[in-house]
Amino acid sequence: MKELEEELERLKEENKKLTDEVESLWAMMDEMTKADIKNWAHLVKDLEKDVITRALMVTKKVADA
């Protein structure tokens, strides 16, 4: 019976440690997601500027010779 109680305590400690690790990993994932959002927002803004610039450079009028 004592062996089972010791095993139970060991498993409880291991469970606690794993739960803490999972919480840390979720926090890390949240930070990575926030960073990804910032990076993608920057890229989208640059792309938008590029598209606007290209659109302004294109003309459909035929030049007089």
N, C-alpha and C. Protein backbone atom coordinates (compact mmCIF):
# COMPACT_ATOMS: atom_id res chain seq x y z
N MET A 1 0.83 -1.19 0.00
CA MET A 1 0.00 0.00 0.00
C MET A 1 0.87 1.26 0.00
N LYS A 2 1.97 1.22 0.76
CA LYS A 2 2.87 2.36 0.83
C LYS A 2 3.50 2.66 -0.54
N GLU A 3 3.80 1.59 -1.28
CA GLU A 3 4.37 1.76 -2.61
C GLU A 3 3.41 2.51 -3.52
N LEU A 4 2.12 2.19 -3.42
CA LEU A 4 1.12 2.86 -4.24
C LEU A 4 1.00 4.33 -3.87
N GLU A 5 1.08 4.62 -2.58
CA GLU A 5 1.00 6.01 -2.14
C GLU A 5 2.21 6.80 -2.64
N GLU A 6 3.38 6.17 -2.59
CA GLU A 6 4.59 6.83 -3.09
C GLU A 6 4.48 7.07 -4.60
N GLU A 7 3.98 6.08 -5.31
CA GLU A 7 3.79 6.20 -6.76
C GLU A 7 2.80 7.32 -7.07
N LEU A 8 1.74 7.40 -6.28
CA LEU A 8 0.75 8.44 -6.47
C LEU A 8 1.36 9.82 -6.26
N GLU A 9 2.16 9.99 -5.24
CA GLU A 9 2.83 11.27 -4.97
C GLU A 9 3.78 11.63 -6.11
N ARG A 10 4.52 10.64 -6.57
CA ARG A 10 5.45 10.87 -7.68
C ARG A 10 4.71 11.33 -8.92
N LEU A 11 3.60 10.66 -9.19
CA LEU A 11 2.80 11.01 -10.37
C LEU A 11 2.16 12.40 -10.23
N LYS A 12 1.76 12.75 -9.03
CA LYS A 12 1.20 14.09 -8.81
C LYS A 12 2.25 15.15 -9.08
N GLU A 13 3.47 14.92 -8.60
CA GLU A 13 4.57 15.87 -8.83
C GLU A 13 4.88 15.98 -10.31
N GLU A 14 4.93 14.85 -10.98
CA GLU A 14 5.21 14.85 -12.41
C GLU A 14 4.10 15.58 -13.18
N ASN A 15 2.87 15.35 -12.77
CA ASN A 15 1.73 16.02 -13.39
C ASN A 15 1.84 17.54 -13.21
N LYS A 16 2.22 17.96 -12.01
CA LYS A 16 2.37 19.39 -11.74
C LYS A 16 3.45 19.99 -12.62
N LYS A 17 4.58 19.30 -12.72
CA LYS A 17 5.69 19.78 -13.53
C LYS A 17 5.27 19.89 -15.00
N LEU A 18 4.58 18.88 -15.50
CA LEU A 18 4.14 18.90 -16.90
C LEU A 18 3.10 20.00 -17.14
N THR A 19 2.24 20.22 -16.18
CA THR A 19 1.24 21.28 -16.30
C THR A 19 1.93 22.64 -16.39
N ASP A 20 2.96 22.84 -15.57
CA ASP A 20 3.73 24.09 -15.62
C ASP A 20 4.41 24.26 -16.97
N GLU A 21 4.96 23.19 -17.50
CA GLU A 21 5.61 23.25 -18.81
C GLU A 21 4.62 23.60 -19.90
N VAL A 22 3.44 23.01 -19.84
CA VAL A 22 2.41 23.30 -20.84
C VAL A 22 2.02 24.77 -20.78
N GLU A 23 1.83 25.30 -19.58
CA GLU A 23 1.48 26.71 -19.42
C GLU A 23 2.58 27.61 -19.99
N SER A 24 3.83 27.25 -19.76
CA SER A 24 4.95 28.02 -20.30
C SER A 24 4.96 27.98 -21.82
N LEU A 25 4.69 26.81 -22.37
CA LEU A 25 4.67 26.68 -23.83
C LEU A 25 3.54 27.50 -24.45
N TRP A 26 2.38 27.51 -23.80
CA TRP A 26 1.26 28.33 -24.30
C TRP A 26 1.62 29.81 -24.26
N ALA A 27 2.28 30.24 -23.21
CA ALA A 27 2.71 31.63 -23.12
C ALA A 27 3.70 31.97 -24.24
N MET A 28 4.61 31.04 -24.50
CA MET A 28 5.58 31.23 -25.57
C MET A 28 4.88 31.31 -26.92
N MET A 29 3.91 30.44 -27.13
CA MET A 29 3.14 30.46 -28.39
C MET A 29 2.40 31.78 -28.56
N ASP A 30 1.84 32.31 -27.48
CA ASP A 30 1.14 33.60 -27.54
C ASP A 30 2.11 34.70 -27.96
N GLU A 31 3.31 34.71 -27.40
CA GLU A 31 4.30 35.72 -27.76
C GLU A 31 4.72 35.58 -29.22
N MET A 32 4.90 34.35 -29.67
CA MET A 32 5.28 34.13 -31.06
C MET A 32 4.18 34.59 -32.00
N THR A 33 2.93 34.33 -31.63
CA THR A 33 1.81 34.75 -32.46
C THR A 33 1.75 36.27 -32.54
N LYS A 34 1.94 36.94 -31.42
CA LYS A 34 1.94 38.41 -31.43
C LYS A 34 3.05 38.93 -32.34
N ALA A 35 4.22 38.32 -32.26
CA ALA A 35 5.34 38.75 -33.09
C ALA A 35 5.03 38.49 -34.57
N ASP A 36 4.43 37.35 -34.88
CA ASP A 36 4.06 37.05 -36.26
C ASP A 36 3.07 38.06 -36.80
N ILE A 37 2.11 38.45 -36.00
CA ILE A 37 1.12 39.43 -36.43
C ILE A 37 1.80 40.75 -36.76
N LYS A 38 2.73 41.18 -35.92
CA LYS A 38 3.46 42.42 -36.18
C LYS A 38 4.28 42.31 -37.46
N ASN A 39 4.95 41.18 -37.65
CA ASN A 39 5.76 40.99 -38.85
C ASN A 39 4.90 40.98 -40.11
N TRP A 40 3.81 40.29 -40.07
CA TRP A 40 2.93 40.23 -41.25
C TRP A 40 2.31 41.58 -41.52
N ALA A 41 1.95 42.33 -40.49
CA ALA A 41 1.36 43.66 -40.69
C ALA A 41 2.37 44.56 -41.40
N HIS A 42 3.62 44.47 -41.01
CA HIS A 42 4.67 45.25 -41.65
C HIS A 42 4.79 44.87 -43.13
N LEU A 43 4.79 43.58 -43.42
CA LEU A 43 4.91 43.13 -44.80
C LEU A 43 3.70 43.56 -45.64
N VAL A 44 2.52 43.50 -45.07
CA VAL A 44 1.32 43.90 -45.79
C VAL A 44 1.36 45.40 -46.10
N LYS A 45 1.81 46.20 -45.15
CA LYS A 45 1.93 47.64 -45.40
C LYS A 45 2.91 47.91 -46.53
N ASP A 46 4.05 47.22 -46.52
CA ASP A 46 5.04 47.40 -47.59
C ASP A 46 4.46 46.99 -48.93
N LEU A 47 3.75 45.89 -48.96
CA LEU A 47 3.13 45.41 -50.19
C LEU A 47 2.09 46.40 -50.69
N GLU A 48 1.31 46.94 -49.78
CA GLU A 48 0.28 47.91 -50.15
C GLU A 48 0.93 49.16 -50.77
N LYS A 49 2.00 49.64 -50.16
CA LYS A 49 2.71 50.80 -50.72
C LYS A 49 3.23 50.50 -52.11
N ASP A 50 3.78 49.31 -52.29
CA ASP A 50 4.33 48.91 -53.58
C ASP A 50 3.23 48.85 -54.64
N VAL A 51 2.09 48.29 -54.29
CA VAL A 51 0.97 48.19 -55.23
C VAL A 51 0.47 49.58 -55.61
N ILE A 52 0.36 50.47 -54.64
CA ILE A 52 -0.09 51.84 -54.92
C ILE A 52 0.90 52.54 -55.83
N THR A 53 2.18 52.38 -55.55
CA THR A 53 3.21 53.01 -56.38
C THR A 53 3.14 52.50 -57.81
N ARG A 54 3.01 51.20 -57.98
CA ARG A 54 2.93 50.62 -59.32
C ARG A 54 1.67 51.09 -60.04
N ALA A 55 0.57 51.18 -59.32
CA ALA A 55 -0.68 51.62 -59.93
C ALA A 55 -0.56 53.07 -60.40
N LEU A 56 0.12 53.89 -59.65
CA LEU A 56 0.29 55.29 -60.05
C LEU A 56 1.25 55.44 -61.24
N MET A 57 2.15 54.49 -61.40
CA MET A 57 3.12 54.56 -62.49
C MET A 57 2.54 54.08 -63.82
N VAL A 58 1.44 53.37 -63.79
CA VAL A 58 0.85 52.83 -65.01
C VAL A 58 -0.11 53.86 -65.58
N THR A 59 0.02 54.10 -66.87
CA THR A 59 -0.90 55.02 -67.53
C THR A 59 -1.49 54.33 -68.76
N LYS A 60 -2.72 54.65 -69.06
CA LYS A 60 -3.38 54.05 -70.21
C LYS A 60 -3.47 55.05 -71.38
N LYS A 61 -3.02 56.26 -71.14
CA LYS A 61 -3.06 57.27 -72.18
C LYS A 61 -1.92 57.03 -73.16
N VAL A 62 -2.23 57.23 -74.43
CA VAL A 62 -1.21 57.11 -75.45
C VAL A 62 -0.51 58.46 -75.57
N ALA A 63 0.78 58.42 -75.55
CA ALA A 63 1.55 59.66 -75.62
C ALA A 63 1.52 60.22 -77.04
N ASP A 64 1.47 61.54 -77.13
CA ASP A 64 1.54 62.20 -78.44
C ASP A 64 2.98 62.17 -78.93
N ALA A 65 3.13 61.83 -80.22
CA ALA A 65 4.48 61.76 -80.77
C ALA A 65 4.90 63.05 -81.39
